[in-house]
Amino acid sequence: MKVLVAYATRHGATAGIASRIAETLTAAGHQATASPVDQVTTLDDYAAVVLGSAAYMYHWLKPAVQFARRHRGALAERPLWLFSSGPVGATTVDDAGRTVDDKGRDVFEGSRPKEFEDLSALHPRGDRVFFGAYDPDADPVGFGERMLKRMPAAKDSLPAGDFRDWQAIEEWAREIAASLDAMPAD
């Protein structure tokens, strides 16, 4: 089955996730292509779509949102999965606001972008949030990053590094492949 893994990225971490998903789907017997959303003009050649974006402040990047709006009808007609990258660090439990009796908040659940709910009308078969990467020395992109650069205390509060969990990404891609394999052939 031909699968499009479309993505929006700022610094490349989400592109890496999309590439790994496409590679894993291809290894599982599907023809998968990873492509930036702004380079996709039609979905006619694809039987399924995996759509993802980096998320900042609980929102996908605008190019991913615009892609979803522009291709809404075609996405609704195909099997669709959504992913997001963004949280950084190595812990899956957020200690912020934790009380003695509280186990903390799930980082992935707390990082779900608003667009997952907005796109629920397209009936995605699944969605996932993955850890991203943060390089404090990278050139800032966008207003929010420029402001963060001017506030050293805030910038330094984010852990630097590449936190993408390749095993989790590949496992999710294999789940997608298994779902595609279970679909009746046209």
C-alpha atoms as a PDB file:
ATOM      1  CA  MET A   1       0.000   0.000   0.000  1.00  0.00           C
ATOM      2  CA  LYS A   2       1.278   3.503  -0.778  1.00  0.00           C
ATOM      3  CA  VAL A   3       1.518   5.617   2.356  1.00  0.00           C
ATOM      4  CA  LEU A   4       2.341   9.303   2.680  1.00  0.00           C
ATOM      5  CA  VAL A   5       4.082  10.413   5.849  1.00  0.00           C
ATOM      6  CA  ALA A   6       3.584  14.187   5.683  1.00  0.00           C
ATOM      7  CA  TYR A   7       5.140  16.466   8.277  1.00  0.00           C
ATOM      8  CA  ALA A   8       5.884  20.024   9.364  1.00  0.00           C
ATOM      9  CA  THR A   9       9.115  20.751  11.222  1.00  0.00           C
ATOM     10  CA  ARG A  10      11.112  23.753  12.416  1.00  0.00           C
ATOM     11  CA  HIS A  11      14.506  22.368  13.295  1.00  0.00           C
ATOM     12  CA  GLY A  12      14.392  18.896  11.734  1.00  0.00           C
ATOM     13  CA  ALA A  13      13.506  16.606  14.655  1.00  0.00           C
ATOM     14  CA  THR A  14       9.991  15.953  13.335  1.00  0.00           C
ATOM     15  CA  ALA A  15      11.405  15.304   9.863  1.00  0.00           C
ATOM     16  CA  GLY A  16      13.594  12.627  11.418  1.00  0.00           C
ATOM     17  CA  ILE A  17      10.575  11.015  13.072  1.00  0.00           C
ATOM     18  CA  ALA A  18       8.636  11.072   9.788  1.00  0.00           C
ATOM     19  CA  SER A  19      11.572   9.511   7.948  1.00  0.00           C
ATOM     20  CA  ARG A  20      11.867   6.732  10.512  1.00  0.00           C
ATOM     21  CA  ILE A  21       8.115   6.027  10.274  1.00  0.00           C
ATOM     22  CA  ALA A  22       8.367   5.841   6.472  1.00  0.00           C
ATOM     23  CA  GLU A  23      11.443   3.570   6.655  1.00  0.00           C
ATOM     24  CA  THR A  24       9.697   1.242   9.105  1.00  0.00           C
ATOM     25  CA  LEU A  25       6.533   1.092   6.981  1.00  0.00           C
ATOM     26  CA  THR A  26       8.643   0.355   3.909  1.00  0.00           C
ATOM     27  CA  ALA A  27      10.510  -2.416   5.746  1.00  0.00           C
ATOM     28  CA  ALA A  28       7.089  -3.875   6.631  1.00  0.00           C
ATOM     29  CA  GLY A  29       6.169  -4.108   2.940  1.00  0.00           C
ATOM     30  CA  HIS A  30       4.464  -0.794   2.204  1.00  0.00           C
ATOM     31  CA  GLN A  31       5.576   1.944  -0.166  1.00  0.00           C
ATOM     32  CA  ALA A  32       5.999   4.845   2.227  1.00  0.00           C
ATOM     33  CA  THR A  33       7.262   8.316   1.411  1.00  0.00           C
ATOM     34  CA  ALA A  34       8.113  11.035   3.934  1.00  0.00           C
ATOM     35  CA  SER A  35       7.521  14.546   2.615  1.00  0.00           C
ATOM     36  CA  PRO A  36       7.181  18.059   4.056  1.00  0.00           C
ATOM     37  CA  VAL A  37       3.537  19.148   3.965  1.00  0.00           C
ATOM     38  CA  ASP A  38       4.344  22.183   1.819  1.00  0.00           C
ATOM     39  CA  GLN A  39       5.641  19.893  -0.949  1.00  0.00           C
ATOM     40  CA  VAL A  40       2.484  17.768  -1.188  1.00  0.00           C
ATOM     41  CA  THR A  41      -0.065  18.963  -3.730  1.00  0.00           C
ATOM     42  CA  THR A  42      -2.351  15.928  -3.937  1.00  0.00           C
ATOM     43  CA  LEU A  43      -3.110  12.750  -2.038  1.00  0.00           C
ATOM     44  CA  ASP A  44      -4.397  10.923  -5.128  1.00  0.00           C
ATOM     45  CA  ASP A  45      -1.470   8.490  -5.242  1.00  0.00           C
ATOM     46  CA  TYR A  46      -1.717   7.466  -1.588  1.00  0.00           C
ATOM     47  CA  ALA A  47      -4.017   4.936   0.063  1.00  0.00           C
ATOM     48  CA  ALA A  48      -3.157   6.056   3.615  1.00  0.00           C
ATOM     49  CA  VAL A  49      -1.632   9.074   5.363  1.00  0.00           C
ATOM     50  CA  VAL A  50       0.394   9.613   8.505  1.00  0.00           C
ATOM     51  CA  LEU A  51       0.397  13.333   9.327  1.00  0.00           C
ATOM     52  CA  GLY A  52       2.622  14.938  11.897  1.00  0.00           C
ATOM     53  CA  SER A  53       4.007  18.191  13.152  1.00  0.00           C
ATOM     54  CA  ALA A  54       6.226  19.675  15.751  1.00  0.00           C
ATOM     55  CA  ALA A  55       4.116  21.256  18.466  1.00  0.00           C
ATOM     56  CA  TYR A  56       4.822  24.496  20.278  1.00  0.00           C
ATOM     57  CA  MET A  57       2.598  25.818  23.046  1.00  0.00           C
ATOM     58  CA  TYR A  58       0.122  22.943  22.489  1.00  0.00           C
ATOM     59  CA  HIS A  59      -0.303  23.697  18.778  1.00  0.00           C
ATOM     60  CA  TRP A  60       0.919  22.193  15.544  1.00  0.00           C
ATOM     61  CA  LEU A  61       2.875  24.358  13.145  1.00  0.00           C
ATOM     62  CA  LYS A  62       0.709  26.376  10.741  1.00  0.00           C
ATOM     63  CA  PRO A  63       1.820  24.502   7.588  1.00  0.00           C
ATOM     64  CA  ALA A  64       0.512  21.212   9.054  1.00  0.00           C
ATOM     65  CA  VAL A  65      -2.807  22.799  10.038  1.00  0.00           C
ATOM     66  CA  GLN A  66      -3.145  24.367   6.577  1.00  0.00           C
ATOM     67  CA  PHE A  67      -2.344  21.011   4.962  1.00  0.00           C
ATOM     68  CA  ALA A  68      -5.066  19.292   7.002  1.00  0.00           C
ATOM     69  CA  ARG A  69      -7.604  21.956   6.045  1.00  0.00           C
ATOM     70  CA  ARG A  70      -6.630  21.949   2.379  1.00  0.00           C
ATOM     71  CA  HIS A  71      -6.824  18.139   2.106  1.00  0.00           C
ATOM     72  CA  ARG A  72      -9.656  17.594   4.591  1.00  0.00           C
ATOM     73  CA  GLY A  73     -11.868  15.683   2.143  1.00  0.00           C
ATOM     74  CA  ALA A  74      -9.090  13.403   0.912  1.00  0.00           C
ATOM     75  CA  LEU A  75      -7.864  12.742   4.466  1.00  0.00           C
ATOM     76  CA  ALA A  76     -11.385  11.762   5.552  1.00  0.00           C
ATOM     77  CA  GLU A  77     -11.483   9.142   2.768  1.00  0.00           C
ATOM     78  CA  ARG A  78      -8.237   7.422   3.778  1.00  0.00           C
ATOM     79  CA  PRO A  79      -6.846   5.672   6.808  1.00  0.00           C
ATOM     80  CA  LEU A  80      -5.179   8.458   8.791  1.00  0.00           C
ATOM     81  CA  TRP A  81      -2.798   8.561  11.744  1.00  0.00           C
ATOM     82  CA  LEU A  82      -1.536  11.685  13.525  1.00  0.00           C
ATOM     83  CA  PHE A  83       1.673  12.322  15.407  1.00  0.00           C
ATOM     84  CA  SER A  84       3.322  15.189  17.164  1.00  0.00           C
ATOM     85  CA  SER A  85       6.764  15.875  18.560  1.00  0.00           C
ATOM     86  CA  GLY A  86       7.618  18.402  21.141  1.00  0.00           C
ATOM     87  CA  PRO A  87       8.167  17.518  24.752  1.00  0.00           C
ATOM     88  CA  VAL A  88      11.827  17.326  25.676  1.00  0.00           C
ATOM     89  CA  GLY A  89      13.455  15.455  28.501  1.00  0.00           C
ATOM     90  CA  ALA A  90      13.671  11.849  29.570  1.00  0.00           C
ATOM     91  CA  THR A  91      10.844  11.588  32.087  1.00  0.00           C
ATOM     92  CA  THR A  92       7.274  10.720  31.163  1.00  0.00           C
ATOM     93  CA  VAL A  93       5.806  12.190  34.357  1.00  0.00           C
ATOM     94  CA  ASP A  94       5.625  15.928  34.937  1.00  0.00           C
ATOM     95  CA  ASP A  95       6.444  16.909  38.512  1.00  0.00           C
ATOM     96  CA  ALA A  96       4.875  20.365  38.185  1.00  0.00           C
ATOM     97  CA  GLY A  97       2.179  20.860  40.774  1.00  0.00           C
ATOM     98  CA  ARG A  98       2.645  17.388  42.219  1.00  0.00           C
ATOM     99  CA  THR A  99       1.318  16.809  45.719  1.00  0.00           C
ATOM    100  CA  VAL A 100       2.221  14.015  48.113  1.00  0.00           C
ATOM    101  CA  ASP A 101      -0.753  11.911  46.952  1.00  0.00           C
ATOM    102  CA  ASP A 102      -0.421  12.841  43.280  1.00  0.00           C
ATOM    103  CA  LYS A 103       1.488  10.604  40.869  1.00  0.00           C
ATOM    104  CA  GLY A 104       2.141  13.495  38.497  1.00  0.00           C
ATOM    105  CA  ARG A 105       0.850  14.278  35.039  1.00  0.00           C
ATOM    106  CA  ASP A 106       1.657  12.168  31.967  1.00  0.00           C
ATOM    107  CA  VAL A 107       3.949  14.316  29.811  1.00  0.00           C
ATOM    108  CA  PHE A 108       2.601  12.904  26.553  1.00  0.00           C
ATOM    109  CA  GLU A 109      -1.026  13.441  27.537  1.00  0.00           C
ATOM    110  CA  GLY A 110      -0.206  16.962  28.723  1.00  0.00           C
ATOM    111  CA  SER A 111       1.568  17.693  25.424  1.00  0.00           C
ATOM    112  CA  ARG A 112      -1.256  16.631  23.108  1.00  0.00           C
ATOM    113  CA  PRO A 113      -1.700  19.389  20.553  1.00  0.00           C
ATOM    114  CA  LYS A 114      -5.104  21.027  20.222  1.00  0.00           C
ATOM    115  CA  GLU A 115      -5.201  19.861  16.607  1.00  0.00           C
ATOM    116  CA  PHE A 116      -5.648  16.211  17.625  1.00  0.00           C
ATOM    117  CA  GLU A 117      -9.097  17.145  18.890  1.00  0.00           C
ATOM    118  CA  ASP A 118      -9.778  19.455  15.933  1.00  0.00           C
ATOM    119  CA  LEU A 119      -8.971  16.655  13.476  1.00  0.00           C
ATOM    120  CA  SER A 120     -11.063  14.025  15.266  1.00  0.00           C
ATOM    121  CA  ALA A 121     -13.829  14.614  12.685  1.00  0.00           C
ATOM    122  CA  LEU A 122     -11.502  12.946  10.153  1.00  0.00           C
ATOM    123  CA  HIS A 123     -11.596   9.786  12.304  1.00  0.00           C
ATOM    124  CA  PRO A 124      -7.872   9.161  12.650  1.00  0.00           C
ATOM    125  CA  ARG A 125      -7.098   5.558  13.524  1.00  0.00           C
ATOM    126  CA  GLY A 126      -4.553   6.652  16.088  1.00  0.00           C
ATOM    127  CA  ASP A 127      -2.405   9.463  17.338  1.00  0.00           C
ATOM    128  CA  ARG A 128       0.851   9.669  19.228  1.00  0.00           C
ATOM    129  CA  VAL A 129       3.050  12.258  20.882  1.00  0.00           C
ATOM    130  CA  PHE A 130       6.795  11.638  20.766  1.00  0.00           C
ATOM    131  CA  PHE A 131       9.671  13.304  22.527  1.00  0.00           C
ATOM    132  CA  GLY A 132      11.501  15.836  20.362  1.00  0.00           C
ATOM    133  CA  ALA A 133      14.888  17.506  20.490  1.00  0.00           C
ATOM    134  CA  TYR A 134      16.108  20.863  21.730  1.00  0.00           C
ATOM    135  CA  ASP A 135      19.332  22.627  20.795  1.00  0.00           C
ATOM    136  CA  PRO A 136      19.640  25.881  22.755  1.00  0.00           C
ATOM    137  CA  ASP A 137      22.304  27.073  20.302  1.00  0.00           C
ATOM    138  CA  ALA A 138      20.107  26.698  17.196  1.00  0.00           C
ATOM    139  CA  ASP A 139      18.975  29.877  15.492  1.00  0.00           C
ATOM    140  CA  PRO A 140      15.491  30.791  16.747  1.00  0.00           C
ATOM    141  CA  VAL A 141      12.557  30.382  14.370  1.00  0.00           C
ATOM    142  CA  GLY A 142       9.444  32.387  15.087  1.00  0.00           C
ATOM    143  CA  PHE A 143       8.439  34.901  17.713  1.00  0.00           C
ATOM    144  CA  GLY A 144       8.211  32.439  20.602  1.00  0.00           C
ATOM    145  CA  GLU A 145      11.725  31.120  20.087  1.00  0.00           C
ATOM    146  CA  ARG A 146      13.153  34.617  19.754  1.00  0.00           C
ATOM    147  CA  MET A 147      11.533  35.583  23.062  1.00  0.00           C
ATOM    148  CA  LEU A 148      12.871  32.418  24.708  1.00  0.00           C
ATOM    149  CA  LYS A 149      16.397  33.295  23.550  1.00  0.00           C
ATOM    150  CA  ARG A 150      16.067  36.657  25.344  1.00  0.00           C
ATOM    151  CA  MET A 151      15.114  34.989  28.631  1.00  0.00           C
ATOM    152  CA  PRO A 152      18.139  32.910  29.651  1.00  0.00           C
ATOM    153  CA  ALA A 153      16.456  31.498  32.744  1.00  0.00           C
ATOM    154  CA  ALA A 154      13.581  30.115  30.645  1.00  0.00           C
ATOM    155  CA  LYS A 155      15.906  28.869  27.921  1.00  0.00           C
ATOM    156  CA  ASP A 156      18.128  27.139  30.462  1.00  0.00           C
ATOM    157  CA  SER A 157      15.133  25.459  32.125  1.00  0.00           C
ATOM    158  CA  LEU A 158      14.598  23.274  29.047  1.00  0.00           C
ATOM    159  CA  PRO A 159      16.804  20.199  28.869  1.00  0.00           C
ATOM    160  CA  ALA A 160      19.059  20.243  25.809  1.00  0.00           C
ATOM    161  CA  GLY A 161      19.472  17.149  23.684  1.00  0.00           C
ATOM    162  CA  ASP A 162      17.808  14.705  21.343  1.00  0.00           C
ATOM    163  CA  PHE A 163      15.128  12.839  23.263  1.00  0.00           C
ATOM    164  CA  ARG A 164      13.442  11.039  20.356  1.00  0.00           C
ATOM    165  CA  ASP A 165      12.637   7.453  21.342  1.00  0.00           C
ATOM    166  CA  TRP A 166      13.403   5.547  18.149  1.00  0.00           C
ATOM    167  CA  GLN A 167      12.121   2.266  19.555  1.00  0.00           C
ATOM    168  CA  ALA A 168       8.718   3.790  20.409  1.00  0.00           C
ATOM    169  CA  ILE A 169       8.553   5.441  16.979  1.00  0.00           C
ATOM    170  CA  GLU A 170       9.335   2.184  15.178  1.00  0.00           C
ATOM    171  CA  GLU A 171       6.868   0.218  17.330  1.00  0.00           C
ATOM    172  CA  TRP A 172       4.094   2.677  16.456  1.00  0.00           C
ATOM    173  CA  ALA A 173       4.983   2.478  12.753  1.00  0.00           C
ATOM    174  CA  ARG A 174       4.823  -1.339  12.942  1.00  0.00           C
ATOM    175  CA  GLU A 175       1.365  -1.024  14.544  1.00  0.00           C
ATOM    176  CA  ILE A 176       0.299   1.141  11.600  1.00  0.00           C
ATOM    177  CA  ALA A 177       1.757  -1.420   9.162  1.00  0.00           C
ATOM    178  CA  ALA A 178      -0.170  -4.226  10.865  1.00  0.00           C
ATOM    179  CA  SER A 179      -3.369  -2.200  10.649  1.00  0.00           C
ATOM    180  CA  LEU A 180      -2.754  -1.566   6.944  1.00  0.00           C
ATOM    181  CA  ASP A 181      -2.054  -5.274   6.390  1.00  0.00           C
ATOM    182  CA  ALA A 182      -5.410  -6.145   7.982  1.00  0.00           C
ATOM    183  CA  MET A 183      -7.355  -3.909   5.576  1.00  0.00           C
ATOM    184  CA  PRO A 184      -9.158  -5.536   2.685  1.00  0.00           C
ATOM    185  CA  ALA A 185      -7.479  -5.023  -0.688  1.00  0.00           C
ATOM    186  CA  ASP A 186      -9.380  -2.868  -3.181  1.00  0.00           C
END
